[in-house]
Amino acid sequence: MEKINREDMLELTRRMTLKRNCFDRIAGAYMDEEGFVDGTFNKHFQKLSPKDQQANLDIAKAIPFSDTNVQLKEHTFREADRKPGSTWQLLMALKECGLKNDAMLDVFYEEFGQKYRADGSYAVYFFHGSYDVPLKAGDKESLWESEEVYQFLICAVCPVDGDYEPGEPECGFLFPAFKDRSSDIHRIDVFAADGKSRQAEDLEKILFPGSFT
């Protein structure tokens, strides 16, 4: 398992503020403890109130801002995990459509609910973002030109109460991995709040089914 560069993650999180927001869409599902969907939503991020934007930015930011290589670890998708019909293929499609396909999201929620074991109700949040990665000068000062546009998804799984108020993320991921200031579609950064939990293991089984067969 390769190491995540903390500076790459900090570079991303600096774009996760109200003034420098990198997200254009948020979608999600509320799930009961048995994994059945109670309800879904899909909204343009900028149409949320400033208060709701900030609350959701805090959820999304918790994934890349977590303790690098302890809570957030890099994983590689093997060829067996990238075959047609795989979670990897679904995530690639969701990234490309910018979360605007509810049918594909429903496929993910159903698959997730079947394999994820929870102690109570929870929510699966998806964020779609894009970041114009600036070129770096020789002295590491940013230049204005954009080197590439990094499009990405953040998924955060949070416990919720009866009013659908989310707690802090228990697990989640950043896809594709942001490695050496560039997109790496063959890697993903997986988050677990306590470093390694049953929930994180369930998430890995969803992402990498080829590793558990």
N, C-alpha and C. Protein backbone atom coordinates (compact mmCIF):
# COMPACT_ATOMS: atom_id res chain seq x y z
N MET A 1 0.84 -1.20 0.00
CA MET A 1 0.00 0.00 0.00
C MET A 1 0.88 1.25 0.00
N GLU A 2 0.65 2.13 -0.98
CA GLU A 2 1.47 3.33 -1.08
C GLU A 2 0.96 4.42 -0.14
N LYS A 3 1.83 5.37 0.15
CA LYS A 3 1.49 6.44 1.07
C LYS A 3 0.82 7.61 0.35
N ILE A 4 -0.08 8.26 1.06
CA ILE A 4 -0.73 9.48 0.56
C ILE A 4 0.10 10.67 0.99
N ASN A 5 0.32 11.61 0.08
CA ASN A 5 1.03 12.83 0.39
C ASN A 5 0.08 13.80 1.08
N ARG A 6 0.39 14.14 2.32
CA ARG A 6 -0.48 15.03 3.09
C ARG A 6 -0.68 16.37 2.39
N GLU A 7 0.35 16.87 1.71
CA GLU A 7 0.23 18.16 1.04
C GLU A 7 -0.80 18.12 -0.08
N ASP A 8 -0.92 16.98 -0.76
CA ASP A 8 -1.96 16.85 -1.79
C ASP A 8 -3.35 17.01 -1.18
N MET A 9 -3.56 16.40 -0.02
CA MET A 9 -4.87 16.48 0.64
C MET A 9 -5.16 17.89 1.13
N LEU A 10 -4.14 18.56 1.67
CA LEU A 10 -4.34 19.93 2.15
C LEU A 10 -4.63 20.88 0.99
N GLU A 11 -4.01 20.61 -0.16
CA GLU A 11 -4.27 21.43 -1.33
C GLU A 11 -5.74 21.33 -1.74
N LEU A 12 -6.29 20.13 -1.64
CA LEU A 12 -7.70 19.95 -1.96
C LEU A 12 -8.61 20.62 -0.95
N THR A 13 -8.34 20.43 0.33
CA THR A 13 -9.25 20.95 1.36
C THR A 13 -9.27 22.47 1.39
N ARG A 14 -8.24 23.12 0.88
CA ARG A 14 -8.26 24.58 0.82
C ARG A 14 -9.33 25.08 -0.16
N ARG A 15 -9.85 24.20 -0.99
CA ARG A 15 -10.93 24.57 -1.93
C ARG A 15 -12.28 24.13 -1.38
N MET A 16 -12.35 23.76 -0.14
CA MET A 16 -13.61 23.30 0.46
C MET A 16 -14.06 24.27 1.53
N THR A 17 -14.22 25.53 1.11
CA THR A 17 -14.73 26.58 1.98
C THR A 17 -15.84 27.30 1.22
N LEU A 18 -16.62 28.10 1.93
CA LEU A 18 -17.72 28.81 1.26
C LEU A 18 -17.21 29.74 0.16
N LYS A 19 -16.06 30.37 0.38
CA LYS A 19 -15.53 31.31 -0.61
C LYS A 19 -14.83 30.62 -1.77
N ARG A 20 -14.26 29.44 -1.52
CA ARG A 20 -13.49 28.76 -2.57
C ARG A 20 -14.05 27.37 -2.81
N ASN A 21 -15.37 27.26 -2.81
CA ASN A 21 -16.02 25.96 -2.91
C ASN A 21 -15.77 25.28 -4.26
N CYS A 22 -15.34 24.02 -4.20
CA CYS A 22 -15.05 23.26 -5.42
C CYS A 22 -16.18 22.32 -5.81
N PHE A 23 -17.25 22.26 -5.02
CA PHE A 23 -18.33 21.31 -5.28
C PHE A 23 -19.47 21.94 -6.08
N ASP A 24 -20.01 21.16 -7.02
CA ASP A 24 -21.15 21.65 -7.79
C ASP A 24 -22.40 20.82 -7.55
N ARG A 25 -22.26 19.64 -6.94
CA ARG A 25 -23.44 18.80 -6.73
C ARG A 25 -23.28 17.93 -5.49
N ILE A 26 -24.43 17.70 -4.83
CA ILE A 26 -24.48 16.80 -3.68
C ILE A 26 -25.68 15.88 -3.86
N ALA A 27 -25.48 14.61 -3.57
CA ALA A 27 -26.57 13.63 -3.64
C ALA A 27 -26.41 12.67 -2.47
N GLY A 28 -27.46 11.96 -2.16
CA GLY A 28 -27.34 11.02 -1.06
C GLY A 28 -28.59 10.22 -0.81
N ALA A 29 -28.47 9.29 0.12
CA ALA A 29 -29.59 8.44 0.51
C ALA A 29 -29.59 8.27 2.02
N TYR A 30 -30.79 8.25 2.59
CA TYR A 30 -30.96 7.93 4.00
C TYR A 30 -31.35 6.45 4.09
N MET A 31 -30.61 5.71 4.90
CA MET A 31 -30.77 4.26 4.97
C MET A 31 -31.18 3.84 6.39
N ASP A 32 -32.05 2.83 6.48
CA ASP A 32 -32.34 2.30 7.81
C ASP A 32 -31.26 1.27 8.17
N GLU A 33 -31.30 0.77 9.40
CA GLU A 33 -30.22 -0.09 9.86
C GLU A 33 -30.16 -1.42 9.12
N GLU A 34 -31.24 -1.78 8.41
CA GLU A 34 -31.25 -3.02 7.63
C GLU A 34 -30.76 -2.80 6.20
N GLY A 35 -30.45 -1.54 5.86
CA GLY A 35 -29.89 -1.25 4.55
C GLY A 35 -30.91 -0.88 3.49
N PHE A 36 -32.14 -0.61 3.91
CA PHE A 36 -33.16 -0.18 2.95
C PHE A 36 -33.19 1.34 2.86
N VAL A 37 -33.44 1.85 1.66
CA VAL A 37 -33.44 3.30 1.43
C VAL A 37 -34.72 3.93 1.98
N ASP A 38 -34.58 4.92 2.84
CA ASP A 38 -35.73 5.67 3.38
C ASP A 38 -36.06 6.88 2.51
N GLY A 39 -35.07 7.38 1.79
CA GLY A 39 -35.28 8.55 0.94
C GLY A 39 -33.97 8.98 0.31
N THR A 40 -34.07 9.70 -0.80
CA THR A 40 -32.88 10.18 -1.50
C THR A 40 -33.00 11.65 -1.84
N PHE A 41 -31.88 12.27 -2.19
CA PHE A 41 -31.88 13.66 -2.65
C PHE A 41 -30.76 13.85 -3.64
N ASN A 42 -30.87 14.87 -4.46
CA ASN A 42 -29.85 15.19 -5.47
C ASN A 42 -30.02 16.67 -5.80
N LYS A 43 -29.04 17.49 -5.42
CA LYS A 43 -29.21 18.94 -5.53
C LYS A 43 -27.95 19.61 -6.06
N HIS A 44 -28.16 20.77 -6.68
CA HIS A 44 -27.03 21.63 -7.04
C HIS A 44 -26.50 22.24 -5.75
N PHE A 45 -25.20 22.11 -5.52
CA PHE A 45 -24.64 22.53 -4.24
C PHE A 45 -24.87 24.01 -3.96
N GLN A 46 -24.74 24.85 -5.00
CA GLN A 46 -24.85 26.29 -4.80
C GLN A 46 -26.27 26.74 -4.49
N LYS A 47 -27.25 25.86 -4.68
CA LYS A 47 -28.63 26.22 -4.37
C LYS A 47 -28.98 25.96 -2.91
N LEU A 48 -28.06 25.36 -2.17
CA LEU A 48 -28.25 25.18 -0.73
C LEU A 48 -28.06 26.52 -0.03
N SER A 49 -28.67 26.67 1.14
CA SER A 49 -28.45 27.88 1.94
C SER A 49 -26.99 27.89 2.40
N PRO A 50 -26.44 29.08 2.70
CA PRO A 50 -25.06 29.13 3.21
C PRO A 50 -24.85 28.23 4.42
N LYS A 51 -25.84 28.15 5.30
CA LYS A 51 -25.72 27.29 6.49
C LYS A 51 -25.61 25.83 6.09
N ASP A 52 -26.47 25.40 5.15
CA ASP A 52 -26.43 24.00 4.71
C ASP A 52 -25.16 23.72 3.89
N GLN A 53 -24.73 24.70 3.11
CA GLN A 53 -23.47 24.53 2.39
C GLN A 53 -22.33 24.26 3.36
N GLN A 54 -22.25 25.07 4.42
CA GLN A 54 -21.17 24.91 5.38
C GLN A 54 -21.24 23.57 6.09
N ALA A 55 -22.45 23.14 6.46
CA ALA A 55 -22.61 21.86 7.14
C ALA A 55 -22.15 20.71 6.25
N ASN A 56 -22.49 20.79 4.96
CA ASN A 56 -22.09 19.73 4.04
C ASN A 56 -20.62 19.81 3.67
N LEU A 57 -20.06 21.01 3.60
CA LEU A 57 -18.62 21.15 3.38
C LEU A 57 -17.84 20.49 4.51
N ASP A 58 -18.35 20.64 5.74
CA ASP A 58 -17.68 20.03 6.89
C ASP A 58 -17.67 18.50 6.77
N ILE A 59 -18.78 17.94 6.27
CA ILE A 59 -18.85 16.49 6.09
C ILE A 59 -17.86 16.04 5.02
N ALA A 60 -17.90 16.72 3.87
CA ALA A 60 -17.02 16.34 2.76
C ALA A 60 -15.55 16.51 3.12
N LYS A 61 -15.22 17.62 3.76
CA LYS A 61 -13.83 17.94 4.07
C LYS A 61 -13.24 16.95 5.08
N ALA A 62 -14.10 16.35 5.91
CA ALA A 62 -13.60 15.42 6.92
C ALA A 62 -12.86 14.24 6.32
N ILE A 63 -13.17 13.88 5.07
CA ILE A 63 -12.51 12.73 4.45
C ILE A 63 -11.05 13.06 4.08
N PRO A 64 -10.78 14.03 3.20
CA PRO A 64 -9.38 14.31 2.85
C PRO A 64 -8.58 14.97 3.97
N PHE A 65 -9.26 15.62 4.92
CA PHE A 65 -8.56 16.32 5.99
C PHE A 65 -8.21 15.39 7.15
N SER A 66 -8.64 14.15 7.08
CA SER A 66 -8.40 13.20 8.17
C SER A 66 -6.91 12.85 8.27
N ASP A 67 -6.59 12.05 9.25
CA ASP A 67 -5.20 11.69 9.53
C ASP A 67 -4.65 10.83 8.39
N THR A 68 -3.81 11.43 7.56
CA THR A 68 -3.29 10.77 6.37
C THR A 68 -2.50 9.51 6.72
N ASN A 69 -2.79 8.43 5.99
CA ASN A 69 -2.14 7.13 6.14
C ASN A 69 -2.44 6.44 7.46
N VAL A 70 -3.38 7.00 8.23
CA VAL A 70 -3.87 6.35 9.44
C VAL A 70 -5.38 6.15 9.31
N GLN A 71 -6.11 7.27 9.20
CA GLN A 71 -7.54 7.20 8.93
C GLN A 71 -7.83 7.10 7.43
N LEU A 72 -7.02 7.76 6.63
CA LEU A 72 -7.19 7.78 5.17
C LEU A 72 -6.05 7.02 4.52
N LYS A 73 -6.40 5.93 3.82
CA LYS A 73 -5.37 5.06 3.24
C LYS A 73 -5.63 4.84 1.75
N GLU A 74 -4.55 4.77 1.00
CA GLU A 74 -4.64 4.58 -0.44
C GLU A 74 -4.76 3.09 -0.78
N HIS A 75 -5.68 2.79 -1.69
CA HIS A 75 -5.86 1.42 -2.17
C HIS A 75 -5.83 1.43 -3.69
N THR A 76 -5.42 0.31 -4.27
CA THR A 76 -5.35 0.17 -5.73
C THR A 76 -6.44 -0.78 -6.20
N PHE A 77 -7.12 -0.39 -7.27
CA PHE A 77 -8.09 -1.29 -7.90
C PHE A 77 -7.35 -2.28 -8.78
N ARG A 78 -7.44 -3.55 -8.47
CA ARG A 78 -6.86 -4.57 -9.32
C ARG A 78 -7.74 -4.75 -10.56
N GLU A 79 -7.20 -5.46 -11.53
CA GLU A 79 -7.96 -5.69 -12.76
C GLU A 79 -9.29 -6.38 -12.47
N ALA A 80 -9.30 -7.30 -11.49
CA ALA A 80 -10.52 -8.02 -11.13
C ALA A 80 -11.58 -7.09 -10.56
N ASP A 81 -11.15 -5.95 -10.02
CA ASP A 81 -12.08 -4.98 -9.43
C ASP A 81 -12.54 -3.94 -10.42
N ARG A 82 -12.05 -4.02 -11.67
CA ARG A 82 -12.39 -3.01 -12.68
C ARG A 82 -13.15 -3.61 -13.87
N LYS A 83 -13.69 -4.79 -13.69
CA LYS A 83 -14.39 -5.44 -14.80
C LYS A 83 -15.76 -4.80 -15.00
N PRO A 84 -16.42 -5.07 -16.16
CA PRO A 84 -17.75 -4.50 -16.41
C PRO A 84 -18.73 -4.86 -15.30
N GLY A 85 -19.51 -3.87 -14.89
CA GLY A 85 -20.46 -4.06 -13.81
C GLY A 85 -19.88 -3.87 -12.42
N SER A 86 -18.60 -3.52 -12.34
CA SER A 86 -17.93 -3.34 -11.04
C SER A 86 -18.29 -2.00 -10.41
N THR A 87 -18.03 -1.89 -9.11
CA THR A 87 -18.21 -0.62 -8.41
C THR A 87 -17.30 0.45 -9.01
N TRP A 88 -16.09 0.05 -9.40
CA TRP A 88 -15.16 1.01 -10.03
C TRP A 88 -15.77 1.61 -11.28
N GLN A 89 -16.35 0.77 -12.12
CA GLN A 89 -16.97 1.26 -13.36
C GLN A 89 -18.13 2.20 -13.04
N LEU A 90 -18.91 1.87 -12.01
CA LEU A 90 -20.03 2.72 -11.60
C LEU A 90 -19.53 4.07 -11.09
N LEU A 91 -18.46 4.07 -10.29
CA LEU A 91 -17.90 5.32 -9.78
C LEU A 91 -17.34 6.18 -10.91
N MET A 92 -16.72 5.55 -11.90
CA MET A 92 -16.23 6.29 -13.06
C MET A 92 -17.38 6.98 -13.78
N ALA A 93 -18.49 6.27 -13.95
CA ALA A 93 -19.65 6.83 -14.63
C ALA A 93 -20.28 7.96 -13.82
N LEU A 94 -20.35 7.80 -12.50
CA LEU A 94 -20.90 8.85 -11.65
C LEU A 94 -20.03 10.10 -11.68
N LYS A 95 -18.73 9.90 -11.73
CA LYS A 95 -17.82 11.04 -11.83
C LYS A 95 -18.04 11.79 -13.14
N GLU A 96 -18.13 11.03 -14.24
CA GLU A 96 -18.26 11.64 -15.56
C GLU A 96 -19.58 12.40 -15.71
N CYS A 97 -20.65 11.88 -15.13
CA CYS A 97 -21.96 12.56 -15.26
C CYS A 97 -22.17 13.60 -14.18
N GLY A 98 -21.21 13.75 -13.27
CA GLY A 98 -21.34 14.75 -12.22
C GLY A 98 -22.49 14.50 -11.26
N LEU A 99 -22.78 13.21 -11.00
CA LEU A 99 -23.86 12.78 -10.09
C LEU A 99 -25.26 13.11 -10.61
N LYS A 100 -25.39 13.33 -11.89
CA LYS A 100 -26.70 13.74 -12.44
C LYS A 100 -27.55 12.57 -12.91
N ASN A 101 -27.13 11.35 -12.62
CA ASN A 101 -27.88 10.17 -13.02
C ASN A 101 -28.39 9.46 -11.77
N ASP A 102 -29.67 9.66 -11.46
CA ASP A 102 -30.25 9.07 -10.25
C ASP A 102 -30.31 7.56 -10.33
N ALA A 103 -30.50 7.01 -11.52
CA ALA A 103 -30.59 5.55 -11.66
C ALA A 103 -29.28 4.89 -11.25
N MET A 104 -28.16 5.48 -11.67
CA MET A 104 -26.86 4.92 -11.29
C MET A 104 -26.62 5.07 -9.80
N LEU A 105 -27.03 6.18 -9.23
CA LEU A 105 -26.89 6.36 -7.78
C LEU A 105 -27.72 5.32 -7.04
N ASP A 106 -28.93 5.04 -7.53
CA ASP A 106 -29.78 4.04 -6.88
C ASP A 106 -29.12 2.66 -6.88
N VAL A 107 -28.40 2.34 -7.97
CA VAL A 107 -27.68 1.07 -8.03
C VAL A 107 -26.63 1.01 -6.92
N PHE A 108 -25.91 2.12 -6.73
CA PHE A 108 -24.89 2.15 -5.67
C PHE A 108 -25.54 2.00 -4.30
N TYR A 109 -26.61 2.75 -4.03
CA TYR A 109 -27.26 2.69 -2.72
C TYR A 109 -27.76 1.27 -2.42
N GLU A 110 -28.34 0.62 -3.43
CA GLU A 110 -28.86 -0.74 -3.22
C GLU A 110 -27.72 -1.71 -2.90
N GLU A 111 -26.64 -1.62 -3.68
CA GLU A 111 -25.49 -2.48 -3.43
C GLU A 111 -24.88 -2.20 -2.06
N PHE A 112 -24.80 -0.93 -1.72
CA PHE A 112 -24.23 -0.54 -0.44
C PHE A 112 -25.07 -1.09 0.71
N GLY A 113 -26.39 -0.91 0.60
CA GLY A 113 -27.28 -1.36 1.67
C GLY A 113 -27.24 -2.86 1.89
N GLN A 114 -26.97 -3.62 0.84
CA GLN A 114 -26.90 -5.07 0.96
C GLN A 114 -25.66 -5.54 1.71
N LYS A 115 -24.58 -4.80 1.62
CA LYS A 115 -23.30 -5.27 2.15
C LYS A 115 -22.81 -4.52 3.39
N TYR A 116 -23.40 -3.37 3.67
CA TYR A 116 -22.92 -2.55 4.78
C TYR A 116 -23.75 -2.85 6.03
N ARG A 117 -23.08 -3.22 7.10
CA ARG A 117 -23.77 -3.51 8.35
C ARG A 117 -23.68 -2.31 9.28
N ALA A 118 -24.81 -1.79 9.69
CA ALA A 118 -24.84 -0.59 10.52
C ALA A 118 -25.51 -0.88 11.86
N ASP A 119 -25.19 -0.06 12.85
CA ASP A 119 -25.78 -0.20 14.18
C ASP A 119 -27.05 0.63 14.31
N GLY A 120 -27.38 1.40 13.29
CA GLY A 120 -28.57 2.24 13.31
C GLY A 120 -28.76 2.88 11.95
N SER A 121 -29.64 3.86 11.87
CA SER A 121 -29.86 4.55 10.60
C SER A 121 -28.63 5.35 10.22
N TYR A 122 -28.42 5.49 8.91
CA TYR A 122 -27.25 6.22 8.44
C TYR A 122 -27.55 6.87 7.10
N ALA A 123 -26.64 7.71 6.67
CA ALA A 123 -26.78 8.39 5.37
C ALA A 123 -25.52 8.18 4.55
N VAL A 124 -25.71 8.03 3.25
CA VAL A 124 -24.60 7.97 2.30
C VAL A 124 -24.61 9.26 1.51
N TYR A 125 -23.59 10.08 1.69
CA TYR A 125 -23.49 11.37 0.99
C TYR A 125 -22.47 11.27 -0.14
N PHE A 126 -22.84 11.84 -1.30
CA PHE A 126 -21.92 11.95 -2.43
C PHE A 126 -21.73 13.41 -2.77
N PHE A 127 -20.50 13.79 -3.02
CA PHE A 127 -20.16 15.15 -3.47
C PHE A 127 -19.37 15.04 -4.76
N HIS A 128 -19.73 15.88 -5.74
CA HIS A 128 -18.93 15.94 -6.97
C HIS A 128 -18.22 17.28 -7.01
N GLY A 129 -16.91 17.23 -7.22
CA GLY A 129 -16.13 18.46 -7.25
C GLY A 129 -15.17 18.50 -8.42
N SER A 130 -14.66 19.67 -8.71
CA SER A 130 -13.62 19.82 -9.73
C SER A 130 -12.64 20.88 -9.26
N TYR A 131 -11.39 20.65 -9.59
CA TYR A 131 -10.31 21.54 -9.14
C TYR A 131 -9.35 21.77 -10.28
N ASP A 132 -9.20 23.01 -10.70
CA ASP A 132 -8.21 23.38 -11.71
C ASP A 132 -6.84 23.37 -11.05
N VAL A 133 -6.09 22.32 -11.29
CA VAL A 133 -4.79 22.17 -10.63
C VAL A 133 -3.79 23.13 -11.27
N PRO A 134 -3.30 24.12 -10.52
CA PRO A 134 -2.37 25.08 -11.12
C PRO A 134 -0.99 24.48 -11.31
N LEU A 135 -0.31 24.95 -12.33
CA LEU A 135 1.08 24.57 -12.53
C LEU A 135 1.92 25.12 -11.39
N LYS A 136 3.01 24.46 -11.11
CA LYS A 136 3.93 24.95 -10.09
C LYS A 136 5.20 25.47 -10.74
N ALA A 137 5.62 26.64 -10.31
CA ALA A 137 6.88 27.18 -10.80
C ALA A 137 8.04 26.43 -10.13
N GLY A 138 9.24 26.69 -10.60
CA GLY A 138 10.40 26.02 -10.05
C GLY A 138 10.58 26.28 -8.56
N ASP A 139 10.14 27.44 -8.10
CA ASP A 139 10.28 27.76 -6.69
C ASP A 139 9.04 27.36 -5.89
N LYS A 140 8.19 26.52 -6.53
CA LYS A 140 6.97 25.98 -5.91
C LYS A 140 5.87 27.01 -5.74
N GLU A 141 6.05 28.20 -6.31
CA GLU A 141 4.96 29.17 -6.30
C GLU A 141 3.98 28.80 -7.40
N SER A 142 2.68 28.96 -7.12
CA SER A 142 1.67 28.59 -8.10
C SER A 142 1.69 29.55 -9.28
N LEU A 143 1.50 29.01 -10.44
CA LEU A 143 1.32 29.81 -11.64
C LEU A 143 -0.18 29.83 -11.95
N TRP A 144 -0.58 30.78 -12.80
CA TRP A 144 -2.00 30.92 -13.08
C TRP A 144 -2.52 29.82 -14.00
N GLU A 145 -1.65 29.29 -14.87
CA GLU A 145 -2.12 28.30 -15.82
C GLU A 145 -2.57 27.03 -15.12
N SER A 146 -3.63 26.41 -15.66
CA SER A 146 -4.13 25.17 -15.10
C SER A 146 -3.44 23.99 -15.77
N GLU A 147 -2.96 23.05 -14.96
CA GLU A 147 -2.28 21.88 -15.49
C GLU A 147 -3.29 20.81 -15.92
N GLU A 148 -4.32 20.63 -15.12
CA GLU A 148 -5.39 19.70 -15.45
C GLU A 148 -6.60 20.04 -14.58
N VAL A 149 -7.76 19.58 -14.99
CA VAL A 149 -8.96 19.71 -14.16
C VAL A 149 -9.20 18.36 -13.51
N TYR A 150 -9.05 18.33 -12.21
CA TYR A 150 -9.24 17.11 -11.44
C TYR A 150 -10.71 17.02 -11.03
N GLN A 151 -11.45 16.09 -11.64
CA GLN A 151 -12.83 15.83 -11.26
C GLN A 151 -12.86 14.66 -10.28
N PHE A 152 -13.64 14.80 -9.23
CA PHE A 152 -13.59 13.77 -8.20
C PHE A 152 -14.92 13.62 -7.46
N LEU A 153 -15.02 12.50 -6.77
CA LEU A 153 -16.15 12.21 -5.89
C LEU A 153 -15.65 12.04 -4.47
N ILE A 154 -16.42 12.56 -3.53
CA ILE A 154 -16.21 12.23 -2.12
C ILE A 154 -17.48 11.55 -1.65
N CYS A 155 -17.30 10.41 -0.99
CA CYS A 155 -18.42 9.72 -0.37
C CYS A 155 -18.19 9.71 1.14
N ALA A 156 -19.23 10.04 1.90
CA ALA A 156 -19.14 10.03 3.35
C ALA A 156 -20.35 9.29 3.91
N VAL A 157 -20.09 8.36 4.81
CA VAL A 157 -21.16 7.59 5.44
C VAL A 157 -21.26 8.05 6.89
N CYS A 158 -22.43 8.58 7.25
CA CYS A 158 -22.61 9.17 8.57
C CYS A 158 -23.82 8.57 9.28
N PRO A 159 -23.74 8.35 10.59
CA PRO A 159 -24.95 7.97 11.33
C PRO A 159 -25.92 9.15 11.35
N VAL A 160 -27.21 8.87 11.37
CA VAL A 160 -28.21 9.95 11.43
C VAL A 160 -29.20 9.66 12.54
N ASP A 161 -29.79 10.74 13.08
CA ASP A 161 -30.82 10.58 14.11
C ASP A 161 -32.20 10.59 13.45
N GLY A 162 -33.24 10.63 14.26
CA GLY A 162 -34.60 10.57 13.74
C GLY A 162 -34.98 11.73 12.84
N ASP A 163 -34.27 12.84 12.97
CA ASP A 163 -34.55 14.01 12.12
C ASP A 163 -33.60 14.08 10.94
N TYR A 164 -32.92 13.00 10.67
CA TYR A 164 -31.95 12.92 9.57
C TYR A 164 -30.78 13.88 9.73
N GLU A 165 -30.48 14.22 10.99
CA GLU A 165 -29.31 15.05 11.25
C GLU A 165 -28.08 14.15 11.30
N PRO A 166 -27.08 14.43 10.45
CA PRO A 166 -25.92 13.53 10.41
C PRO A 166 -24.91 13.78 11.52
N GLY A 167 -24.30 12.69 11.95
CA GLY A 167 -23.16 12.79 12.84
C GLY A 167 -21.89 12.85 12.01
N GLU A 168 -20.75 12.72 12.65
CA GLU A 168 -19.48 12.77 11.93
C GLU A 168 -19.29 11.51 11.08
N PRO A 169 -18.64 11.63 9.92
CA PRO A 169 -18.46 10.47 9.05
C PRO A 169 -17.75 9.31 9.75
N GLU A 170 -18.26 8.10 9.52
CA GLU A 170 -17.63 6.90 10.06
C GLU A 170 -16.67 6.29 9.05
N CYS A 171 -17.02 6.39 7.78
CA CYS A 171 -16.15 5.90 6.72
C CYS A 171 -16.51 6.61 5.42
N GLY A 172 -15.73 6.37 4.38
CA GLY A 172 -15.98 7.03 3.11
C GLY A 172 -14.77 6.91 2.21
N PHE A 173 -14.75 7.72 1.15
CA PHE A 173 -13.62 7.64 0.22
C PHE A 173 -13.53 8.89 -0.65
N LEU A 174 -12.36 9.04 -1.24
CA LEU A 174 -12.08 10.05 -2.27
C LEU A 174 -11.69 9.30 -3.53
N PHE A 175 -12.42 9.55 -4.62
CA PHE A 175 -12.15 8.86 -5.88
C PHE A 175 -12.28 9.83 -7.05
N PRO A 176 -11.36 9.77 -8.01
CA PRO A 176 -10.11 9.00 -8.01
C PRO A 176 -9.13 9.57 -6.98
N ALA A 177 -8.11 8.83 -6.66
CA ALA A 177 -7.09 9.35 -5.76
C ALA A 177 -6.43 10.59 -6.38
N PHE A 178 -6.07 11.54 -5.53
CA PHE A 178 -5.33 12.73 -5.95
C PHE A 178 -3.88 12.48 -5.58
N LYS A 179 -3.10 12.06 -6.58
CA LYS A 179 -1.74 11.59 -6.31
C LYS A 179 -0.75 12.40 -7.14
N ASP A 180 0.27 12.93 -6.48
CA ASP A 180 1.26 13.78 -7.17
C ASP A 180 0.56 14.92 -7.90
N ARG A 181 -0.46 15.48 -7.27
CA ARG A 181 -1.24 16.61 -7.78
C ARG A 181 -1.92 16.28 -9.12
N SER A 182 -2.35 15.03 -9.24
CA SER A 182 -3.01 14.60 -10.46
C SER A 182 -4.00 13.48 -10.16
N SER A 183 -4.92 13.25 -11.09
CA SER A 183 -5.93 12.21 -10.93
C SER A 183 -5.34 10.83 -11.22
N ASP A 184 -5.64 9.85 -10.36
CA ASP A 184 -5.21 8.47 -10.58
C ASP A 184 -6.45 7.58 -10.47
N ILE A 185 -7.03 7.23 -11.63
CA ILE A 185 -8.30 6.50 -11.64
C ILE A 185 -8.15 5.05 -11.19
N HIS A 186 -6.94 4.56 -11.06
CA HIS A 186 -6.73 3.19 -10.62
C HIS A 186 -6.53 3.09 -9.10
N ARG A 187 -6.61 4.23 -8.44
CA ARG A 187 -6.45 4.24 -6.99
C ARG A 187 -7.59 5.03 -6.33
N ILE A 188 -7.81 4.73 -5.06
CA ILE A 188 -8.86 5.37 -4.28
C ILE A 188 -8.35 5.54 -2.86
N ASP A 189 -8.72 6.64 -2.22
CA ASP A 189 -8.33 6.89 -0.83
C ASP A 189 -9.53 6.58 0.06
N VAL A 190 -9.39 5.55 0.91
CA VAL A 190 -10.50 5.06 1.74
C VAL A 190 -10.34 5.55 3.17
N PHE A 191 -11.43 6.08 3.73
CA PHE A 191 -11.42 6.68 5.06
C PHE A 191 -12.15 5.78 6.06
N ALA A 192 -11.55 5.65 7.24
CA ALA A 192 -12.20 5.01 8.39
C ALA A 192 -11.88 5.86 9.61
N ALA A 193 -12.90 6.30 10.32
CA ALA A 193 -12.71 7.24 11.42
C ALA A 193 -11.76 6.71 12.48
N ASP A 194 -11.84 5.41 12.76
CA ASP A 194 -10.98 4.84 13.81
C ASP A 194 -9.80 4.08 13.24
N GLY A 195 -9.50 4.32 11.96
CA GLY A 195 -8.36 3.67 11.34
C GLY A 195 -8.69 2.34 10.70
N LYS A 196 -9.42 1.50 11.39
CA LYS A 196 -9.84 0.20 10.83
C LYS A 196 -11.06 -0.25 11.61
N SER A 197 -12.20 -0.33 10.96
CA SER A 197 -13.43 -0.70 11.62
C SER A 197 -14.19 -1.73 10.80
N ARG A 198 -15.21 -2.31 11.40
CA ARG A 198 -16.06 -3.23 10.67
C ARG A 198 -16.71 -2.52 9.48
N GLN A 199 -17.12 -1.26 9.70
CA GLN A 199 -17.74 -0.50 8.61
C GLN A 199 -16.78 -0.30 7.45
N ALA A 200 -15.51 -0.01 7.78
CA ALA A 200 -14.52 0.18 6.72
C ALA A 200 -14.28 -1.11 5.96
N GLU A 201 -14.30 -2.24 6.67
CA GLU A 201 -14.13 -3.53 6.01
C GLU A 201 -15.30 -3.80 5.07
N ASP A 202 -16.51 -3.46 5.50
CA ASP A 202 -17.68 -3.61 4.63
C ASP A 202 -17.53 -2.76 3.38
N LEU A 203 -17.05 -1.52 3.56
CA LEU A 203 -16.86 -0.63 2.43
C LEU A 203 -15.83 -1.20 1.45
N GLU A 204 -14.77 -1.76 1.97
CA GLU A 204 -13.74 -2.35 1.11
C GLU A 204 -14.30 -3.53 0.32
N LYS A 205 -15.21 -4.30 0.92
CA LYS A 205 -15.83 -5.42 0.20
C LYS A 205 -16.69 -4.93 -0.96
N ILE A 206 -17.28 -3.75 -0.80
CA ILE A 206 -18.08 -3.15 -1.87
C ILE A 206 -17.18 -2.64 -2.99
N LEU A 207 -16.08 -2.00 -2.60
CA LEU A 207 -15.17 -1.41 -3.58
C LEU A 207 -14.30 -2.44 -4.27
N PHE A 208 -13.85 -3.45 -3.52
CA PHE A 208 -12.88 -4.43 -4.05
C PHE A 208 -13.42 -5.86 -3.91
N PRO A 209 -14.54 -6.19 -4.53
CA PRO A 209 -15.09 -7.54 -4.36
C PRO A 209 -14.15 -8.62 -4.85
N GLY A 210 -13.30 -8.31 -5.83
CA GLY A 210 -12.37 -9.30 -6.35
C GLY A 210 -11.35 -9.76 -5.32
N SER A 211 -11.14 -8.93 -4.28
CA SER A 211 -10.15 -9.27 -3.25
C SER A 211 -10.73 -10.20 -2.19
N PHE A 212 -12.06 -10.39 -2.22
CA PHE A 212 -12.70 -11.19 -1.16
C PHE A 212 -13.35 -12.45 -1.71
N THR A 213 -13.05 -12.78 -2.97
CA THR A 213 -13.64 -13.97 -3.57
C THR A 213 -12.65 -15.13 -3.49
